[in-house]
Amino acid sequence: MLVTDGVTALDFSVSSRYLAVAGDKHVSVFHNVAGYRSTIAELEERKKSAMSGAMRERLQSQIDDARSVLLVDR
């Protein structure tokens, strides 16, 4: 996206998965890659201290989901 008149607005979605940027009479929506990476790191730390196998599996599933989004964008 080439913005010649500057960015007029910037906002994250409620889930922080997307970033919307407005400028030059257009709105562009991007995946929040930094947010996904931060989420993955946080989930991996929580998985280390998970008390039950079910909790570790759930956290691993969330990690896998976040990683799959990053791989789709490449």
Protein backbone atom coordinates (compact mmCIF):
# COMPACT_ATOMS: atom_id res chain seq x y z
CA MET A 1 0.00 0.00 0.00
CA LEU A 2 1.47 3.33 -1.06
CA VAL A 3 0.12 6.23 0.99
CA THR A 4 0.95 9.64 -0.42
CA ASP A 5 -1.23 11.85 1.81
CA GLY A 6 -0.29 10.08 5.04
CA VAL A 7 -2.11 7.75 7.36
CA THR A 8 -5.35 9.23 8.65
CA ALA A 9 -6.40 6.42 10.99
CA LEU A 10 -5.01 3.24 12.50
CA ASP A 11 -6.93 0.68 14.56
CA PHE A 12 -6.72 -2.91 15.77
CA SER A 13 -9.63 -5.33 15.76
CA VAL A 14 -11.14 -6.32 19.10
CA SER A 15 -9.31 -9.66 18.89
CA SER A 16 -6.03 -7.88 17.91
CA ARG A 17 -5.76 -10.25 14.94
CA TYR A 18 -6.09 -7.49 12.36
CA LEU A 19 -4.77 -3.98 11.85
CA ALA A 20 -6.73 -1.48 9.75
CA VAL A 21 -4.94 1.49 8.18
CA ALA A 22 -6.76 4.35 6.47
CA GLY A 23 -5.14 6.80 4.08
CA ASP A 24 -5.57 8.13 0.53
CA LYS A 25 -9.33 7.40 0.65
CA HIS A 26 -8.62 3.67 1.16
CA VAL A 27 -8.65 1.28 4.08
CA SER A 28 -6.22 -1.64 4.13
CA VAL A 29 -6.53 -4.55 6.55
CA PHE A 30 -3.47 -6.55 7.60
CA HIS A 31 -2.88 -9.56 9.84
CA ASN A 32 -1.24 -8.40 13.06
CA VAL A 33 1.88 -10.58 12.66
CA ALA A 34 3.62 -9.14 15.72
CA GLY A 35 0.49 -9.87 17.75
CA TYR A 36 0.41 -13.49 16.56
CA ARG A 37 4.08 -13.96 17.44
CA SER A 38 3.52 -12.45 20.88
CA THR A 39 0.51 -14.71 21.42
CA ILE A 40 2.52 -17.79 20.41
CA ALA A 41 5.31 -16.90 22.85
CA GLU A 42 2.80 -16.31 25.67
CA LEU A 43 0.99 -19.60 25.00
CA GLU A 44 4.27 -21.52 24.93
CA GLU A 45 5.17 -20.11 28.36
CA ARG A 46 1.73 -21.01 29.73
CA LYS A 47 2.07 -24.52 28.30
CA LYS A 48 5.29 -25.06 30.30
CA SER A 49 3.43 -24.53 33.57
CA ALA A 50 0.16 -26.23 32.62
CA MET A 51 -0.97 -28.65 35.32
CA SER A 52 -2.92 -31.13 33.21
CA GLY A 53 -2.48 -32.89 29.90
CA ALA A 54 -5.79 -31.51 28.69
CA MET A 55 -4.62 -27.95 29.34
CA ARG A 56 -1.33 -28.60 27.48
CA GLU A 57 -3.27 -30.03 24.52
CA ARG A 58 -5.61 -27.02 24.40
CA LEU A 59 -2.68 -24.60 24.54
CA GLN A 60 -0.85 -26.56 21.82
CA SER A 61 -3.96 -26.37 19.64
CA GLN A 62 -4.06 -22.59 20.07
CA ILE A 63 -0.34 -22.38 19.25
CA ASP A 64 -0.86 -24.48 16.10
CA ASP A 65 -3.80 -22.27 15.02
CA ALA A 66 -1.75 -19.07 15.44
CA ARG A 67 1.21 -20.57 13.58
CA SER A 68 -1.02 -21.70 10.70
CA VAL A 69 -2.17 -18.10 10.17
CA LEU A 70 1.44 -16.96 9.89
CA LEU A 71 2.26 -19.69 7.39
CA VAL A 72 -0.75 -18.86 5.18
CA ASP A 73 0.47 -15.27 4.73
CA ARG A 74 3.84 -16.25 3.27
